[in-house]
Amino acid sequence: MTQGYQAHTDEAHLGWAFAFTASREVPADFLLPERYGSSYVDLDLKVVVRSASATLTSFKPGALHETTYAEGAVNFGMSMTGTQRVRDAYEELMQKKYKVDYGLLTNKHDEEGSPESEKMKQ
């Protein structure tokens, strides 16, 4: 069933990940039905998400998932996620008193005078 991505879970700091498929190419001798191959499979939900150009798929990295056999189909795009390893590295830097800037504080609104606002100015 898989080619390269066997059933697995991903350790991620964030609860959701996103995969943007910008374009998709299949060879001229593609043997699978249209839109098959290299599809995302959520084994917990028992659903298959067929790949298509200009689509965004959201999923929970901690859920058991895999990718179907590609048969030469290639999806071009990018994934957006936050791994626990990166989060741990940020924590280590902050504990060592390095200045760490975040592009977006998601746990609280940044109000003028709030502790988050003051940290960003440092």
C-alpha atoms as a PDB file:
ATOM      1  CA  MET A   1       0.000   0.000   0.000  1.00  0.00           C
ATOM      2  CA  THR A   2       2.781   2.474   0.710  1.00  0.00           C
ATOM      3  CA  GLN A   3       5.795   3.789  -1.084  1.00  0.00           C
ATOM      4  CA  GLY A   4       8.187   5.541   1.251  1.00  0.00           C
ATOM      5  CA  TYR A   5       5.657   6.479   3.929  1.00  0.00           C
ATOM      6  CA  GLN A   6       4.522   3.433   5.847  1.00  0.00           C
ATOM      7  CA  ALA A   7       1.913   3.750   8.588  1.00  0.00           C
ATOM      8  CA  HIS A   8       3.267   6.062  11.273  1.00  0.00           C
ATOM      9  CA  THR A   9       2.507   8.941  13.599  1.00  0.00           C
ATOM     10  CA  ASP A  10       4.482  12.183  13.774  1.00  0.00           C
ATOM     11  CA  GLU A  11       5.595  13.739  17.034  1.00  0.00           C
ATOM     12  CA  ALA A  12       4.478  17.340  16.691  1.00  0.00           C
ATOM     13  CA  HIS A  13       4.149  20.217  19.111  1.00  0.00           C
ATOM     14  CA  LEU A  14       1.100  21.540  17.293  1.00  0.00           C
ATOM     15  CA  GLY A  15      -2.160  19.620  17.121  1.00  0.00           C
ATOM     16  CA  TRP A  16      -2.612  20.155  13.388  1.00  0.00           C
ATOM     17  CA  ALA A  17      -0.412  20.082  10.298  1.00  0.00           C
ATOM     18  CA  PHE A  18      -1.143  21.291   6.779  1.00  0.00           C
ATOM     19  CA  ALA A  19      -0.002  19.986   3.422  1.00  0.00           C
ATOM     20  CA  PHE A  20      -0.406  22.255   0.398  1.00  0.00           C
ATOM     21  CA  THR A  21      -0.287  20.548  -3.006  1.00  0.00           C
ATOM     22  CA  ALA A  22       0.673  23.205  -5.561  1.00  0.00           C
ATOM     23  CA  SER A  23       0.706  20.873  -8.542  1.00  0.00           C
ATOM     24  CA  ARG A  24       0.555  17.191  -9.364  1.00  0.00           C
ATOM     25  CA  GLU A  25       2.125  15.297 -12.229  1.00  0.00           C
ATOM     26  CA  VAL A  26       1.447  11.763 -13.419  1.00  0.00           C
ATOM     27  CA  PRO A  27       3.392   9.926 -16.120  1.00  0.00           C
ATOM     28  CA  ALA A  28       1.839   9.287 -19.530  1.00  0.00           C
ATOM     29  CA  ASP A  29       1.753   5.543 -18.800  1.00  0.00           C
ATOM     30  CA  PHE A  30       0.029   5.988 -15.410  1.00  0.00           C
ATOM     31  CA  LEU A  31      -1.839   2.769 -14.627  1.00  0.00           C
ATOM     32  CA  LEU A  32      -4.028   3.864 -11.730  1.00  0.00           C
ATOM     33  CA  PRO A  33      -7.454   5.536 -12.067  1.00  0.00           C
ATOM     34  CA  GLU A  34      -7.481   9.350 -12.317  1.00  0.00           C
ATOM     35  CA  ARG A  35      -6.511  11.131  -9.046  1.00  0.00           C
ATOM     36  CA  TYR A  36      -5.218   7.907  -7.470  1.00  0.00           C
ATOM     37  CA  GLY A  37      -1.665   7.407  -6.229  1.00  0.00           C
ATOM     38  CA  SER A  38       0.267   9.217  -3.538  1.00  0.00           C
ATOM     39  CA  SER A  39      -2.882   9.913  -1.514  1.00  0.00           C
ATOM     40  CA  TYR A  40      -3.018  10.667   2.207  1.00  0.00           C
ATOM     41  CA  VAL A  41      -4.663   7.956   4.319  1.00  0.00           C
ATOM     42  CA  ASP A  42      -5.866   8.536   7.892  1.00  0.00           C
ATOM     43  CA  LEU A  43      -6.004   5.047   9.388  1.00  0.00           C
ATOM     44  CA  ASP A  44      -7.826   6.196  12.536  1.00  0.00           C
ATOM     45  CA  LEU A  45     -10.651   7.870  10.574  1.00  0.00           C
ATOM     46  CA  LYS A  46     -10.467   5.288   7.752  1.00  0.00           C
ATOM     47  CA  VAL A  47     -10.482   7.955   5.026  1.00  0.00           C
ATOM     48  CA  VAL A  48      -8.401   8.531   1.912  1.00  0.00           C
ATOM     49  CA  VAL A  49      -7.732  12.096   0.741  1.00  0.00           C
ATOM     50  CA  ARG A  50      -6.952  12.098  -2.982  1.00  0.00           C
ATOM     51  CA  SER A  51      -4.228  14.496  -4.068  1.00  0.00           C
ATOM     52  CA  ALA A  52      -5.087  17.307  -6.467  1.00  0.00           C
ATOM     53  CA  SER A  53      -3.405  20.530  -7.578  1.00  0.00           C
ATOM     54  CA  ALA A  54      -4.139  23.692  -5.593  1.00  0.00           C
ATOM     55  CA  THR A  55      -5.469  21.907  -2.500  1.00  0.00           C
ATOM     56  CA  LEU A  56      -4.743  22.166   1.211  1.00  0.00           C
ATOM     57  CA  THR A  57      -5.100  19.150   3.466  1.00  0.00           C
ATOM     58  CA  SER A  58      -5.159  19.487   7.236  1.00  0.00           C
ATOM     59  CA  PHE A  59      -4.501  16.532   9.493  1.00  0.00           C
ATOM     60  CA  LYS A  60      -3.518  15.595  13.029  1.00  0.00           C
ATOM     61  CA  PRO A  61       0.115  14.435  12.957  1.00  0.00           C
ATOM     62  CA  GLY A  62      -0.413  12.218  15.996  1.00  0.00           C
ATOM     63  CA  ALA A  63      -3.051  10.155  14.169  1.00  0.00           C
ATOM     64  CA  LEU A  64      -1.908   6.965  12.462  1.00  0.00           C
ATOM     65  CA  HIS A  65      -1.476   7.790   8.751  1.00  0.00           C
ATOM     66  CA  GLU A  66       0.377   6.840   5.575  1.00  0.00           C
ATOM     67  CA  THR A  67       0.566   7.537   1.846  1.00  0.00           C
ATOM     68  CA  THR A  68      -0.726   5.205  -0.875  1.00  0.00           C
ATOM     69  CA  TYR A  69       1.443   3.686  -3.581  1.00  0.00           C
ATOM     70  CA  ALA A  70       2.435   6.471  -5.979  1.00  0.00           C
ATOM     71  CA  GLU A  71       2.765   4.550  -9.307  1.00  0.00           C
ATOM     72  CA  GLY A  72       4.861   7.492 -10.538  1.00  0.00           C
ATOM     73  CA  ALA A  73       2.519  10.285  -9.382  1.00  0.00           C
ATOM     74  CA  VAL A  74       4.435  13.253  -7.960  1.00  0.00           C
ATOM     75  CA  ASN A  75       2.862  15.948  -5.780  1.00  0.00           C
ATOM     76  CA  PHE A  76       4.691  19.281  -5.522  1.00  0.00           C
ATOM     77  CA  GLY A  77       3.987  21.485  -2.532  1.00  0.00           C
ATOM     78  CA  MET A  78       4.936  22.126   1.050  1.00  0.00           C
ATOM     79  CA  SER A  79       4.040  20.983   4.531  1.00  0.00           C
ATOM     80  CA  MET A  80       3.424  23.298   7.449  1.00  0.00           C
ATOM     81  CA  THR A  81       3.872  21.844  10.917  1.00  0.00           C
ATOM     82  CA  GLY A  82       5.725  22.392  14.159  1.00  0.00           C
ATOM     83  CA  THR A  83       7.792  19.523  15.475  1.00  0.00           C
ATOM     84  CA  GLN A  84       8.369  18.904  19.151  1.00  0.00           C
ATOM     85  CA  ARG A  85      12.116  18.863  18.403  1.00  0.00           C
ATOM     86  CA  VAL A  86      12.000  22.496  17.207  1.00  0.00           C
ATOM     87  CA  ARG A  87       9.859  23.530  20.185  1.00  0.00           C
ATOM     88  CA  ASP A  88      12.318  21.839  22.567  1.00  0.00           C
ATOM     89  CA  ALA A  89      15.213  23.701  20.912  1.00  0.00           C
ATOM     90  CA  TYR A  90      13.422  27.027  21.479  1.00  0.00           C
ATOM     91  CA  GLU A  91      12.853  26.116  25.132  1.00  0.00           C
ATOM     92  CA  GLU A  92      16.525  25.241  25.583  1.00  0.00           C
ATOM     93  CA  LEU A  93      17.614  28.561  24.076  1.00  0.00           C
ATOM     94  CA  MET A  94      15.245  30.495  26.331  1.00  0.00           C
ATOM     95  CA  GLN A  95      16.482  28.617  29.420  1.00  0.00           C
ATOM     96  CA  LYS A  96      20.018  29.630  28.476  1.00  0.00           C
ATOM     97  CA  LYS A  97      18.756  33.242  28.336  1.00  0.00           C
ATOM     98  CA  TYR A  98      19.102  33.641  24.571  1.00  0.00           C
ATOM     99  CA  LYS A  99      16.655  36.063  22.982  1.00  0.00           C
ATOM    100  CA  VAL A 100      14.019  34.097  21.084  1.00  0.00           C
ATOM    101  CA  ASP A 101      11.526  35.936  18.884  1.00  0.00           C
ATOM    102  CA  TYR A 102       8.287  34.384  17.740  1.00  0.00           C
ATOM    103  CA  GLY A 103       6.555  35.483  14.565  1.00  0.00           C
ATOM    104  CA  LEU A 104       3.185  35.074  16.219  1.00  0.00           C
ATOM    105  CA  LEU A 105       2.129  34.578  19.812  1.00  0.00           C
ATOM    106  CA  THR A 106      -0.830  32.269  19.590  1.00  0.00           C
ATOM    107  CA  ASN A 107      -1.629  31.657  23.241  1.00  0.00           C
ATOM    108  CA  LYS A 108      -2.648  35.251  24.129  1.00  0.00           C
ATOM    109  CA  HIS A 109      -3.609  38.429  22.372  1.00  0.00           C
ATOM    110  CA  ASP A 110      -0.714  40.845  22.205  1.00  0.00           C
ATOM    111  CA  GLU A 111      -2.068  43.870  24.024  1.00  0.00           C
ATOM    112  CA  GLU A 112       0.075  46.939  24.628  1.00  0.00           C
ATOM    113  CA  GLY A 113       1.647  46.582  28.064  1.00  0.00           C
ATOM    114  CA  SER A 114       1.058  42.825  28.353  1.00  0.00           C
ATOM    115  CA  PRO A 115       3.985  40.612  29.419  1.00  0.00           C
ATOM    116  CA  GLU A 116       4.089  39.174  25.879  1.00  0.00           C
ATOM    117  CA  SER A 117       4.269  42.641  24.373  1.00  0.00           C
ATOM    118  CA  GLU A 118       7.118  43.591  26.689  1.00  0.00           C
ATOM    119  CA  LYS A 119       9.063  40.398  25.856  1.00  0.00           C
ATOM    120  CA  MET A 120       8.820  41.164  22.151  1.00  0.00           C
ATOM    121  CA  LYS A 121      10.379  44.612  22.710  1.00  0.00           C
ATOM    122  CA  GLN A 122      13.444  43.199  24.492  1.00  0.00           C
END
